[in-house]
N, C-alpha and C. Protein backbone atom coordinates (compact mmCIF):
# COMPACT_ATOMS: atom_id res chain seq x y z
N MET A 1 113.62 178.36 75.53
CA MET A 1 114.07 178.10 74.16
C MET A 1 115.26 177.15 74.20
N PRO A 2 115.24 176.07 73.41
CA PRO A 2 116.37 175.14 73.39
C PRO A 2 117.65 175.84 72.98
N ASN A 3 118.77 175.31 73.49
CA ASN A 3 120.06 175.95 73.20
C ASN A 3 120.35 176.04 71.71
N LYS A 4 119.96 175.01 70.95
CA LYS A 4 120.24 175.03 69.52
C LYS A 4 119.49 176.16 68.84
N MET A 5 118.26 176.42 69.30
CA MET A 5 117.50 177.51 68.72
C MET A 5 118.14 178.85 69.04
N ILE A 6 118.63 178.99 70.28
CA ILE A 6 119.29 180.23 70.68
C ILE A 6 120.53 180.47 69.85
N LEU A 7 121.33 179.41 69.67
CA LEU A 7 122.53 179.54 68.87
C LEU A 7 122.19 179.90 67.43
N GLY A 8 121.08 179.32 66.92
CA GLY A 8 120.65 179.65 65.58
C GLY A 8 120.28 181.10 65.44
N CYS A 9 119.58 181.62 66.45
CA CYS A 9 119.20 183.03 66.43
C CYS A 9 120.43 183.92 66.47
N MET A 10 121.44 183.51 67.26
CA MET A 10 122.66 184.29 67.36
C MET A 10 123.38 184.34 66.02
N VAL A 11 123.39 183.20 65.31
CA VAL A 11 124.06 183.17 64.01
C VAL A 11 123.34 184.09 63.03
N ILE A 12 121.99 184.06 63.06
CA ILE A 12 121.23 184.95 62.20
C ILE A 12 121.54 186.40 62.54
N GLY A 13 121.63 186.68 63.87
CA GLY A 13 121.93 188.03 64.32
C GLY A 13 123.29 188.49 63.84
N LEU A 14 124.27 187.60 63.86
CA LEU A 14 125.60 187.94 63.38
C LEU A 14 125.57 188.30 61.90
N ALA A 15 124.79 187.52 61.14
CA ALA A 15 124.69 187.79 59.72
C ALA A 15 124.04 189.15 59.47
N ALA A 16 122.99 189.45 60.27
CA ALA A 16 122.29 190.73 60.11
C ALA A 16 123.19 191.89 60.45
N LEU A 17 124.13 191.68 61.36
CA LEU A 17 125.03 192.74 61.77
C LEU A 17 126.30 192.79 60.92
N SER A 18 126.34 191.95 59.89
CA SER A 18 127.49 191.90 58.99
C SER A 18 128.77 191.53 59.70
N ILE A 19 128.67 190.62 60.68
CA ILE A 19 129.86 190.14 61.36
C ILE A 19 130.26 188.80 60.74
N PRO A 20 131.47 188.65 60.25
CA PRO A 20 131.89 187.37 59.67
C PRO A 20 131.78 186.27 60.71
N LEU A 21 131.18 185.14 60.30
CA LEU A 21 131.04 184.04 61.24
C LEU A 21 132.39 183.50 61.65
N GLY A 22 133.40 183.72 60.83
CA GLY A 22 134.73 183.24 61.18
C GLY A 22 135.44 184.10 62.19
N ALA A 23 134.82 185.25 62.54
CA ALA A 23 135.48 186.16 63.47
C ALA A 23 135.68 185.52 64.82
N LEU A 24 134.66 184.76 65.24
CA LEU A 24 134.78 184.11 66.54
C LEU A 24 135.89 183.07 66.54
N VAL A 25 136.00 182.34 65.42
CA VAL A 25 137.04 181.32 65.32
C VAL A 25 138.41 181.96 65.33
N ALA A 26 138.53 183.10 64.63
CA ALA A 26 139.82 183.79 64.56
C ALA A 26 140.29 184.19 65.94
N GLU A 27 139.35 184.49 66.82
CA GLU A 27 139.72 184.87 68.17
C GLU A 27 139.89 183.66 69.08
N GLU A 28 139.78 182.48 68.50
CA GLU A 28 139.95 181.22 69.22
C GLU A 28 138.96 181.11 70.38
N VAL A 29 137.74 181.49 70.10
CA VAL A 29 136.67 181.37 71.09
C VAL A 29 135.73 180.28 70.61
N ASP A 30 135.59 179.24 71.40
CA ASP A 30 134.70 178.14 71.04
C ASP A 30 133.32 178.42 71.63
N TYR A 31 132.50 179.12 70.84
CA TYR A 31 131.20 179.52 71.35
C TYR A 31 130.24 178.34 71.52
N THR A 32 130.56 177.20 70.91
CA THR A 32 129.69 176.03 71.08
C THR A 32 129.75 175.47 72.49
N LYS A 33 130.78 175.84 73.23
CA LYS A 33 130.90 175.37 74.61
C LYS A 33 130.32 176.36 75.61
N MET A 34 129.82 177.48 75.11
CA MET A 34 129.24 178.49 75.99
C MET A 34 127.78 178.16 76.29
N THR A 35 127.33 178.58 77.44
CA THR A 35 125.90 178.54 77.73
C THR A 35 125.23 179.64 76.92
N PRO A 36 123.92 179.57 76.72
CA PRO A 36 123.24 180.66 76.00
C PRO A 36 123.50 182.03 76.61
N GLU A 37 123.55 182.07 77.95
CA GLU A 37 123.80 183.35 78.64
C GLU A 37 125.22 183.86 78.35
N GLU A 38 126.20 182.95 78.40
CA GLU A 38 127.58 183.34 78.14
C GLU A 38 127.75 183.81 76.69
N LEU A 39 127.09 183.11 75.77
CA LEU A 39 127.19 183.48 74.36
C LEU A 39 126.58 184.86 74.12
N ALA A 40 125.43 185.11 74.73
CA ALA A 40 124.78 186.41 74.57
C ALA A 40 125.69 187.53 75.10
N GLU A 41 126.27 187.32 76.28
CA GLU A 41 127.17 188.32 76.86
C GLU A 41 128.38 188.55 75.95
N TYR A 42 128.91 187.46 75.40
CA TYR A 42 130.09 187.58 74.53
C TYR A 42 129.76 188.36 73.26
N LEU A 43 128.64 188.01 72.62
CA LEU A 43 128.28 188.66 71.37
C LEU A 43 127.98 190.14 71.57
N ILE A 44 127.39 190.49 72.70
CA ILE A 44 127.03 191.88 72.95
C ILE A 44 128.23 192.72 73.34
N PHE A 45 129.02 192.21 74.29
CA PHE A 45 130.04 193.06 74.91
C PHE A 45 131.46 192.85 74.38
N GLU A 46 131.73 191.72 73.72
CA GLU A 46 133.11 191.43 73.35
C GLU A 46 133.34 191.20 71.86
N ALA A 47 132.36 190.71 71.14
CA ALA A 47 132.59 190.29 69.75
C ALA A 47 132.57 191.45 68.77
N GLY A 48 132.25 192.65 69.21
CA GLY A 48 132.24 193.80 68.30
C GLY A 48 131.02 193.86 67.43
N GLY A 49 129.96 193.17 67.81
CA GLY A 49 128.74 193.15 67.00
C GLY A 49 127.86 194.36 67.20
N PHE A 50 128.11 195.13 68.24
CA PHE A 50 127.31 196.32 68.51
C PHE A 50 128.23 197.52 68.72
N LYS A 51 127.77 198.67 68.30
CA LYS A 51 128.53 199.90 68.53
C LYS A 51 128.19 200.41 69.92
N LEU A 52 128.90 199.89 70.90
CA LEU A 52 128.56 200.16 72.28
C LEU A 52 128.87 201.58 72.72
N ASP A 53 129.63 202.32 71.92
CA ASP A 53 129.93 203.69 72.28
C ASP A 53 128.90 204.68 71.74
N GLN A 54 127.88 204.17 71.03
CA GLN A 54 126.85 205.06 70.51
C GLN A 54 126.12 205.77 71.64
N GLU A 55 125.84 207.03 71.44
CA GLU A 55 125.05 207.76 72.42
C GLU A 55 123.58 207.34 72.30
N VAL A 56 122.90 207.29 73.44
CA VAL A 56 121.48 206.98 73.44
C VAL A 56 120.71 208.19 73.92
N GLN A 57 119.44 208.26 73.56
CA GLN A 57 118.69 209.49 73.77
C GLN A 57 118.42 209.81 75.23
N GLU A 58 118.36 208.79 76.07
CA GLU A 58 118.12 209.07 77.49
C GLU A 58 119.39 209.49 78.21
N GLY A 59 120.52 209.53 77.49
CA GLY A 59 121.80 209.90 78.08
C GLY A 59 122.68 208.69 78.26
N GLY A 60 123.97 208.85 78.09
CA GLY A 60 124.90 207.74 78.23
C GLY A 60 125.12 207.04 76.90
N THR A 61 125.57 205.80 76.98
CA THR A 61 125.92 205.04 75.78
C THR A 61 125.14 203.73 75.73
N ALA A 62 125.23 203.07 74.56
CA ALA A 62 124.56 201.79 74.38
C ALA A 62 125.09 200.76 75.38
N ARG A 63 126.39 200.80 75.67
CA ARG A 63 126.96 199.87 76.64
C ARG A 63 126.30 200.04 78.01
N GLN A 64 126.12 201.29 78.44
CA GLN A 64 125.50 201.53 79.73
C GLN A 64 124.06 201.05 79.76
N ARG A 65 123.35 201.19 78.64
CA ARG A 65 121.97 200.73 78.59
C ARG A 65 121.88 199.22 78.75
N MET A 66 122.89 198.50 78.27
CA MET A 66 122.83 197.05 78.29
C MET A 66 123.33 196.42 79.59
N VAL A 67 123.88 197.22 80.48
CA VAL A 67 124.31 196.71 81.78
C VAL A 67 123.12 196.62 82.72
N GLN A 68 122.91 195.48 83.32
CA GLN A 68 121.74 195.27 84.17
C GLN A 68 121.89 196.00 85.50
N ASP A 69 120.75 196.51 86.00
CA ASP A 69 120.75 197.06 87.35
C ASP A 69 120.45 195.93 88.34
N GLU A 70 120.29 196.27 89.61
CA GLU A 70 120.18 195.25 90.65
C GLU A 70 118.95 194.36 90.46
N ILE A 71 117.81 194.97 90.16
CA ILE A 71 116.59 194.18 89.98
C ILE A 71 116.71 193.27 88.76
N GLN A 72 117.21 193.81 87.65
CA GLN A 72 117.37 192.99 86.46
C GLN A 72 118.32 191.83 86.71
N ASN A 73 119.42 192.10 87.39
CA ASN A 73 120.39 191.06 87.68
C ASN A 73 119.80 189.97 88.57
N THR A 74 119.04 190.38 89.58
CA THR A 74 118.41 189.41 90.48
C THR A 74 117.43 188.53 89.73
N CYS A 75 116.62 189.14 88.89
CA CYS A 75 115.59 188.37 88.18
C CYS A 75 116.16 187.55 87.03
N SER A 76 117.34 187.91 86.53
CA SER A 76 117.95 187.18 85.42
C SER A 76 118.84 186.03 85.88
N SER A 77 119.17 185.99 87.16
CA SER A 77 120.12 184.99 87.64
C SER A 77 119.46 183.78 88.26
N ILE A 78 118.16 183.63 88.01
CA ILE A 78 117.44 182.53 88.66
C ILE A 78 117.34 181.30 87.77
N GLY A 79 117.90 181.37 86.57
CA GLY A 79 117.99 180.20 85.71
C GLY A 79 116.67 179.61 85.29
N GLY A 80 115.65 180.45 85.16
CA GLY A 80 114.35 179.95 84.75
C GLY A 80 113.54 179.35 85.87
N VAL A 81 114.12 179.26 87.06
CA VAL A 81 113.42 178.71 88.21
C VAL A 81 112.80 179.85 88.99
N ARG A 82 111.57 179.67 89.42
CA ARG A 82 110.90 180.73 90.17
C ARG A 82 111.69 181.05 91.43
N PRO A 83 111.97 182.33 91.68
CA PRO A 83 112.75 182.71 92.86
C PRO A 83 111.98 182.43 94.14
N ASP A 84 112.70 182.34 95.22
CA ASP A 84 112.04 182.09 96.50
C ASP A 84 111.30 183.34 96.94
N MET A 85 110.40 183.17 97.91
CA MET A 85 109.54 184.26 98.34
C MET A 85 110.33 185.43 98.91
N GLU A 86 111.42 185.14 99.61
CA GLU A 86 112.23 186.22 100.17
C GLU A 86 112.79 187.11 99.08
N THR A 87 113.24 186.50 97.99
CA THR A 87 113.78 187.26 96.87
C THR A 87 112.69 188.09 96.21
N LEU A 88 111.52 187.51 96.01
CA LEU A 88 110.41 188.22 95.39
C LEU A 88 110.01 189.43 96.23
N LEU A 89 109.92 189.24 97.53
CA LEU A 89 109.53 190.34 98.41
C LEU A 89 110.56 191.46 98.39
N GLU A 90 111.84 191.11 98.31
CA GLU A 90 112.89 192.13 98.27
C GLU A 90 112.84 192.90 96.95
N VAL A 91 112.61 192.20 95.83
CA VAL A 91 112.48 192.87 94.53
C VAL A 91 111.29 193.83 94.55
N SER A 92 110.17 193.36 95.10
CA SER A 92 108.98 194.21 95.19
C SER A 92 109.24 195.44 96.04
N LYS A 93 109.94 195.26 97.13
CA LYS A 93 110.27 196.38 98.03
C LYS A 93 111.14 197.40 97.31
N GLN A 94 112.17 196.93 96.63
CA GLN A 94 113.06 197.83 95.89
C GLN A 94 112.28 198.59 94.82
N ALA A 95 111.36 197.90 94.16
CA ALA A 95 110.58 198.54 93.10
C ALA A 95 109.66 199.63 93.67
N ARG A 96 109.02 199.36 94.79
CA ARG A 96 108.12 200.35 95.40
C ARG A 96 108.87 201.61 95.79
N GLU A 97 110.13 201.45 96.18
CA GLU A 97 110.92 202.60 96.61
C GLU A 97 111.27 203.53 95.46
N THR A 98 111.12 203.08 94.21
CA THR A 98 111.44 203.92 93.05
C THR A 98 110.26 204.76 92.59
N ILE A 99 109.07 204.45 93.07
CA ILE A 99 107.86 205.10 92.54
C ILE A 99 107.75 206.54 93.05
N VAL A 100 107.56 207.45 92.11
CA VAL A 100 107.37 208.86 92.42
C VAL A 100 105.96 209.24 92.00
N TYR A 101 105.18 209.78 92.92
CA TYR A 101 103.78 210.13 92.64
C TYR A 101 103.66 211.60 92.28
N PRO A 102 102.66 211.96 91.47
CA PRO A 102 102.44 213.37 91.12
C PRO A 102 102.14 214.20 92.37
N GLU A 103 102.63 215.43 92.39
CA GLU A 103 102.42 216.30 93.53
C GLU A 103 100.94 216.56 93.79
N GLU A 104 100.15 216.61 92.72
CA GLU A 104 98.73 216.89 92.86
C GLU A 104 97.89 215.62 93.07
N GLY A 105 98.58 214.50 93.23
CA GLY A 105 97.88 213.23 93.41
C GLY A 105 97.66 212.53 92.07
N ILE A 106 97.26 211.28 92.12
CA ILE A 106 97.07 210.48 90.92
C ILE A 106 95.75 210.86 90.26
N GLN A 107 95.84 211.34 89.02
CA GLN A 107 94.67 211.75 88.26
C GLN A 107 94.65 211.04 86.91
N LEU A 108 93.44 210.88 86.37
CA LEU A 108 93.33 210.34 85.02
C LEU A 108 93.54 211.46 84.02
N GLY A 109 94.21 211.15 82.93
CA GLY A 109 94.47 212.14 81.90
C GLY A 109 93.50 212.04 80.75
N ASP A 110 94.01 212.14 79.55
CA ASP A 110 93.23 212.14 78.32
C ASP A 110 93.25 210.73 77.72
N TRP A 111 92.11 210.05 77.72
CA TRP A 111 92.12 208.66 77.26
C TRP A 111 92.44 208.56 75.77
N LYS A 112 92.12 209.61 75.00
CA LYS A 112 92.39 209.55 73.56
C LYS A 112 93.90 209.57 73.30
N ARG A 113 94.62 210.43 74.03
CA ARG A 113 96.08 210.41 73.91
C ARG A 113 96.62 209.10 74.47
N GLY A 114 96.02 208.62 75.57
CA GLY A 114 96.45 207.36 76.15
C GLY A 114 96.30 206.20 75.19
N ARG A 115 95.22 206.23 74.39
CA ARG A 115 95.03 205.18 73.37
C ARG A 115 96.17 205.20 72.36
N ASP A 116 96.54 206.40 71.91
CA ASP A 116 97.63 206.51 70.94
C ASP A 116 98.95 206.01 71.55
N LEU A 117 99.19 206.35 72.81
CA LEU A 117 100.43 205.91 73.46
C LEU A 117 100.45 204.40 73.66
N ALA A 118 99.31 203.84 74.04
CA ALA A 118 99.25 202.40 74.30
C ALA A 118 99.49 201.57 73.04
N TRP A 119 99.13 202.14 71.89
CA TRP A 119 99.28 201.43 70.63
C TRP A 119 100.51 201.90 69.86
N SER A 120 101.43 202.56 70.54
CA SER A 120 102.65 203.03 69.88
C SER A 120 103.89 202.49 70.58
N GLY A 121 104.83 202.03 69.79
CA GLY A 121 106.12 201.60 70.32
C GLY A 121 107.23 202.57 70.00
N TYR A 122 106.86 203.81 69.68
CA TYR A 122 107.83 204.81 69.22
C TYR A 122 108.70 205.29 70.38
N GLY A 123 109.99 205.45 70.09
CA GLY A 123 110.85 206.15 71.03
C GLY A 123 112.06 205.39 71.50
N PHE A 124 113.15 206.13 71.69
CA PHE A 124 114.38 205.67 72.33
C PHE A 124 115.07 204.54 71.58
N ARG A 125 115.13 204.65 70.28
CA ARG A 125 115.92 203.69 69.52
C ARG A 125 117.40 204.06 69.58
N ILE A 126 118.24 203.07 69.34
CA ILE A 126 119.68 203.33 69.24
C ILE A 126 120.04 203.34 67.76
N GLY A 127 120.75 204.35 67.34
CA GLY A 127 121.16 204.38 65.95
C GLY A 127 121.47 205.79 65.50
N HIS A 128 121.83 205.91 64.24
CA HIS A 128 122.21 207.22 63.72
C HIS A 128 121.00 208.09 63.42
N ARG A 129 119.82 207.49 63.34
CA ARG A 129 118.60 208.27 63.10
C ARG A 129 117.80 208.30 64.40
N MET A 130 118.09 209.28 65.23
CA MET A 130 117.44 209.39 66.52
C MET A 130 115.97 209.79 66.35
N ASP A 131 115.14 209.37 67.31
CA ASP A 131 113.73 209.74 67.28
C ASP A 131 113.57 211.21 67.64
N ASP A 132 112.61 211.86 67.00
CA ASP A 132 112.31 213.26 67.27
C ASP A 132 111.20 213.32 68.32
N HIS A 133 111.58 213.42 69.58
CA HIS A 133 110.60 213.40 70.65
C HIS A 133 109.88 214.74 70.81
N GLU A 134 110.34 215.76 70.11
CA GLU A 134 109.63 217.04 70.18
C GLU A 134 108.34 217.00 69.38
N ASN A 135 108.32 216.19 68.34
CA ASN A 135 107.14 216.12 67.47
C ASN A 135 106.37 214.81 67.61
N ASN A 136 106.94 213.83 68.27
CA ASN A 136 106.29 212.54 68.42
C ASN A 136 106.45 212.05 69.86
N ASP A 137 105.33 211.64 70.46
CA ASP A 137 105.36 211.18 71.84
C ASP A 137 105.96 209.78 71.94
N VAL A 138 106.64 209.52 73.03
CA VAL A 138 107.18 208.18 73.30
C VAL A 138 106.02 207.27 73.69
N GLY A 139 105.89 206.15 73.01
CA GLY A 139 104.77 205.24 73.25
C GLY A 139 105.03 204.27 74.39
N GLY A 140 103.94 203.68 74.88
CA GLY A 140 104.04 202.69 75.95
C GLY A 140 104.20 201.27 75.43
N ASN A 141 103.90 201.06 74.13
CA ASN A 141 104.07 199.73 73.53
C ASN A 141 103.21 198.68 74.23
N CYS A 142 102.10 199.09 74.84
CA CYS A 142 101.26 198.17 75.63
C CYS A 142 100.72 197.02 74.79
N TYR A 143 100.38 197.33 73.54
CA TYR A 143 99.76 196.32 72.67
C TYR A 143 100.68 195.13 72.39
N ASN A 144 101.98 195.34 72.58
CA ASN A 144 102.93 194.28 72.27
C ASN A 144 102.75 193.08 73.19
N CYS A 145 102.24 193.32 74.40
CA CYS A 145 102.09 192.24 75.39
C CYS A 145 100.65 192.02 75.82
N HIS A 146 99.78 193.00 75.59
CA HIS A 146 98.41 192.91 76.10
C HIS A 146 97.39 193.05 74.98
N GLN A 147 96.30 192.30 75.09
CA GLN A 147 95.12 192.59 74.28
C GLN A 147 94.39 193.72 74.98
N ILE A 148 94.23 194.86 74.30
CA ILE A 148 93.66 196.03 74.94
C ILE A 148 92.23 196.29 74.47
N GLY A 149 92.03 196.33 73.17
CA GLY A 149 90.71 196.58 72.63
C GLY A 149 90.22 195.41 71.81
N THR A 150 89.01 195.54 71.31
CA THR A 150 88.43 194.47 70.50
C THR A 150 88.55 194.74 69.01
N ASP A 151 89.04 195.95 68.65
CA ASP A 151 89.13 196.30 67.24
C ASP A 151 90.47 195.98 66.63
N ARG A 152 91.49 195.74 67.48
CA ARG A 152 92.82 195.40 66.98
C ARG A 152 93.39 194.27 67.83
N THR A 153 94.35 193.57 67.25
CA THR A 153 94.94 192.43 67.95
C THR A 153 96.18 192.85 68.72
N GLY A 154 96.23 192.49 70.00
CA GLY A 154 97.39 192.76 70.82
C GLY A 154 98.12 191.47 71.16
N GLY A 155 99.08 191.58 72.06
CA GLY A 155 99.89 190.43 72.43
C GLY A 155 99.24 189.57 73.50
N SER A 156 99.90 188.48 73.82
CA SER A 156 99.36 187.54 74.80
C SER A 156 100.36 187.22 75.91
N ILE A 157 101.50 187.93 75.96
CA ILE A 157 102.47 187.70 77.03
C ILE A 157 101.88 188.12 78.37
N GLY A 158 101.18 189.25 78.37
CA GLY A 158 100.53 189.74 79.57
C GLY A 158 99.04 189.47 79.51
N PRO A 159 98.33 189.70 80.60
CA PRO A 159 96.88 189.44 80.64
C PRO A 159 96.11 190.42 79.76
N SER A 160 94.95 190.02 79.32
CA SER A 160 94.09 190.91 78.54
C SER A 160 93.65 192.08 79.41
N LEU A 161 93.61 193.26 78.81
CA LEU A 161 93.17 194.47 79.51
C LEU A 161 91.80 194.93 79.02
N VAL A 162 91.14 194.13 78.22
CA VAL A 162 89.81 194.46 77.73
C VAL A 162 88.85 194.56 78.91
N GLY A 163 88.12 195.67 79.00
CA GLY A 163 87.19 195.86 80.11
C GLY A 163 87.87 196.16 81.43
N TYR A 164 89.09 196.67 81.38
CA TYR A 164 89.88 196.87 82.60
C TYR A 164 89.13 197.72 83.63
N GLY A 165 88.66 198.89 83.21
CA GLY A 165 87.96 199.77 84.14
C GLY A 165 86.55 199.31 84.42
N ARG A 166 85.89 198.75 83.44
CA ARG A 166 84.52 198.26 83.64
C ARG A 166 84.47 197.18 84.71
N ILE A 167 85.50 196.36 84.77
CA ILE A 167 85.55 195.27 85.74
C ILE A 167 86.00 195.76 87.11
N ARG A 168 86.99 196.66 87.14
CA ARG A 168 87.62 197.06 88.40
C ARG A 168 87.07 198.34 89.00
N GLY A 169 86.44 199.17 88.19
CA GLY A 169 86.02 200.48 88.67
C GLY A 169 87.18 201.46 88.63
N ASP A 170 86.96 202.64 89.21
CA ASP A 170 88.01 203.67 89.19
C ASP A 170 88.22 204.26 90.58
N SER A 171 88.19 203.43 91.60
CA SER A 171 88.44 203.90 92.96
C SER A 171 89.86 204.40 93.11
N GLU A 172 90.12 205.11 94.21
CA GLU A 172 91.47 205.61 94.45
C GLU A 172 92.46 204.46 94.58
N ALA A 173 92.02 203.36 95.18
CA ALA A 173 92.90 202.20 95.33
C ALA A 173 93.26 201.61 93.97
N ILE A 174 92.29 201.53 93.05
CA ILE A 174 92.55 201.00 91.72
C ILE A 174 93.46 201.95 90.94
N LYS A 175 93.24 203.26 91.09
CA LYS A 175 94.11 204.22 90.41
C LYS A 175 95.55 204.08 90.88
N LYS A 176 95.73 203.95 92.19
CA LYS A 176 97.08 203.80 92.73
C LYS A 176 97.72 202.50 92.24
N TYR A 177 96.96 201.42 92.26
CA TYR A 177 97.49 200.14 91.79
C TYR A 177 97.90 200.23 90.33
N THR A 178 97.05 200.84 89.50
CA THR A 178 97.35 200.95 88.07
C THR A 178 98.57 201.83 87.84
N TYR A 179 98.65 202.93 88.56
CA TYR A 179 99.81 203.81 88.45
C TYR A 179 101.08 203.06 88.83
N ASP A 180 101.02 202.34 89.96
CA ASP A 180 102.20 201.61 90.43
C ASP A 180 102.68 200.59 89.40
N VAL A 181 101.74 199.86 88.81
CA VAL A 181 102.11 198.81 87.85
C VAL A 181 102.73 199.41 86.60
N ILE A 182 102.17 200.53 86.12
CA ILE A 182 102.75 201.15 84.93
C ILE A 182 104.10 201.78 85.26
N TYR A 183 104.19 202.44 86.41
CA TYR A 183 105.43 203.11 86.78
C TYR A 183 106.55 202.10 87.01
N ASN A 184 106.30 201.11 87.85
CA ASN A 184 107.28 200.05 88.09
C ASN A 184 106.54 198.76 88.38
N SER A 185 106.39 197.95 87.37
CA SER A 185 105.58 196.74 87.44
C SER A 185 106.07 195.74 88.48
N HIS A 186 107.37 195.80 88.81
CA HIS A 186 107.91 194.85 89.78
C HIS A 186 107.38 195.11 91.18
N SER A 187 106.78 196.27 91.40
CA SER A 187 106.21 196.56 92.71
C SER A 187 105.06 195.61 93.03
N ALA A 188 104.33 195.19 92.01
CA ALA A 188 103.21 194.27 92.20
C ALA A 188 103.53 192.86 91.70
N PHE A 189 104.36 192.78 90.68
CA PHE A 189 104.69 191.48 90.07
C PHE A 189 106.20 191.34 89.96
N PRO A 190 106.88 191.05 91.06
CA PRO A 190 108.35 190.98 91.03
C PRO A 190 108.86 189.97 90.01
N CYS A 191 109.88 190.41 89.28
CA CYS A 191 110.51 189.61 88.22
C CYS A 191 109.57 189.36 87.05
N THR A 192 108.68 190.31 86.80
CA THR A 192 107.81 190.24 85.63
C THR A 192 108.58 190.62 84.38
N ASN A 193 107.99 190.35 83.21
CA ASN A 193 108.59 190.77 81.94
C ASN A 193 108.23 192.19 81.56
N MET A 194 107.31 192.81 82.29
CA MET A 194 106.83 194.14 81.93
C MET A 194 107.90 195.20 82.20
N PRO A 195 108.09 196.13 81.26
CA PRO A 195 109.08 197.19 81.47
C PRO A 195 108.74 198.08 82.66
N ARG A 196 109.75 198.76 83.18
CA ARG A 196 109.57 199.72 84.28
C ARG A 196 109.61 201.11 83.67
N PHE A 197 108.45 201.61 83.32
CA PHE A 197 108.38 202.83 82.52
C PHE A 197 108.77 204.08 83.29
N GLY A 198 108.51 204.11 84.59
CA GLY A 198 108.84 205.30 85.38
C GLY A 198 110.32 205.45 85.66
N PRO A 199 110.94 204.46 86.32
CA PRO A 199 112.38 204.57 86.62
C PRO A 199 113.25 204.73 85.38
N SER A 200 112.83 204.14 84.27
CA SER A 200 113.62 204.24 83.05
C SER A 200 113.50 205.62 82.41
N GLY A 201 112.45 206.36 82.77
CA GLY A 201 112.23 207.66 82.16
C GLY A 201 111.55 207.59 80.81
N TYR A 202 111.11 206.42 80.39
CA TYR A 202 110.48 206.29 79.08
C TYR A 202 109.10 206.93 79.05
N LEU A 203 108.37 206.86 80.15
CA LEU A 203 107.07 207.52 80.23
C LEU A 203 107.09 208.53 81.36
N ASP A 204 106.67 209.76 81.08
CA ASP A 204 106.57 210.74 82.15
C ASP A 204 105.21 210.59 82.84
N GLN A 205 104.99 211.37 83.88
CA GLN A 205 103.77 211.23 84.67
C GLN A 205 102.52 211.54 83.86
N GLN A 206 102.60 212.50 82.94
CA GLN A 206 101.44 212.82 82.12
C GLN A 206 101.08 211.66 81.20
N SER A 207 102.09 211.04 80.62
CA SER A 207 101.83 209.90 79.74
C SER A 207 101.23 208.74 80.52
N ILE A 208 101.72 208.51 81.74
CA ILE A 208 101.14 207.45 82.57
C ILE A 208 99.69 207.77 82.89
N ALA A 209 99.39 209.04 83.20
CA ALA A 209 98.02 209.45 83.50
C ALA A 209 97.11 209.23 82.29
N ASP A 210 97.61 209.50 81.09
CA ASP A 210 96.80 209.32 79.88
C ASP A 210 96.55 207.84 79.60
N ILE A 211 97.56 207.00 79.78
CA ILE A 211 97.37 205.56 79.57
C ILE A 211 96.42 205.00 80.63
N MET A 212 96.52 205.50 81.85
CA MET A 212 95.57 205.09 82.89
C MET A 212 94.14 205.45 82.50
N ALA A 213 93.95 206.63 81.91
CA ALA A 213 92.62 207.04 81.47
C ALA A 213 92.10 206.10 80.39
N TYR A 214 92.97 205.70 79.49
CA TYR A 214 92.57 204.75 78.44
C TYR A 214 92.09 203.44 79.04
N LEU A 215 92.69 203.04 80.16
CA LEU A 215 92.30 201.79 80.81
C LEU A 215 91.07 201.95 81.70
N LEU A 216 90.88 203.12 82.31
CA LEU A 216 89.87 203.26 83.36
C LEU A 216 88.67 204.13 82.98
N ASP A 217 88.82 205.06 82.07
CA ASP A 217 87.72 205.96 81.74
C ASP A 217 86.54 205.18 81.15
N PRO A 218 85.32 205.39 81.66
CA PRO A 218 84.15 204.68 81.13
C PRO A 218 83.90 204.95 79.64
N GLU A 219 84.36 206.11 79.15
CA GLU A 219 84.17 206.45 77.74
C GLU A 219 85.19 205.80 76.83
N SER A 220 86.26 205.27 77.40
CA SER A 220 87.31 204.65 76.61
C SER A 220 86.80 203.38 75.91
N PRO A 221 87.23 203.14 74.68
CA PRO A 221 86.82 201.91 73.99
C PRO A 221 87.25 200.64 74.71
N VAL A 222 88.23 200.75 75.60
CA VAL A 222 88.63 199.58 76.40
C VAL A 222 87.45 199.05 77.20
N ASN A 223 86.58 199.95 77.63
CA ASN A 223 85.51 199.59 78.57
C ASN A 223 84.13 199.51 77.93
N GLN A 224 84.08 199.50 76.60
CA GLN A 224 82.79 199.42 75.91
C GLN A 224 82.34 197.97 75.73
């Protein structure tokens, strides 16, 4: 995205957050001389545009959620240039070390629940109206990046998952690969845009099993 577009988005964001545009000037900060990365860091952590002390549902505060971990920092510091192979291999290695497998082995769950999870972005918002996770399951938000079925439109950031199981089958190797990618996508695709659902705690093992069933079960509409 061109720098001017990024700056424009930031100005819109400031307006949405009810931050006076003159606030930056009052602090004698010339944000026009900042890189997009520097401006984003300033607006998030220093300009007072976010309530960083808010508690978040997974524990901790909004500030802690916004601090990058090692993998995020590595993948964000490459300046849009593809990292070298050594870096990619190290990111993949670190990601594989985070994967925790079910004690009873990798099993497929309920594809109908998996369908609901794949088409839901519910859960873990920051704000005064916290999500009720006792009555509503945390979704995988898969549709935001993938085309999953033929009856609804999904995203195009990631590859289409239509016919996922029909094309690949449901061997133990495919189950393990699918589990690994959902649990920590960087294990197979280092520095990908896909969230790491397992290490973040956003999806538990049962939810991963259900989404896997939606992708792999022959009865699932994904494979019709």
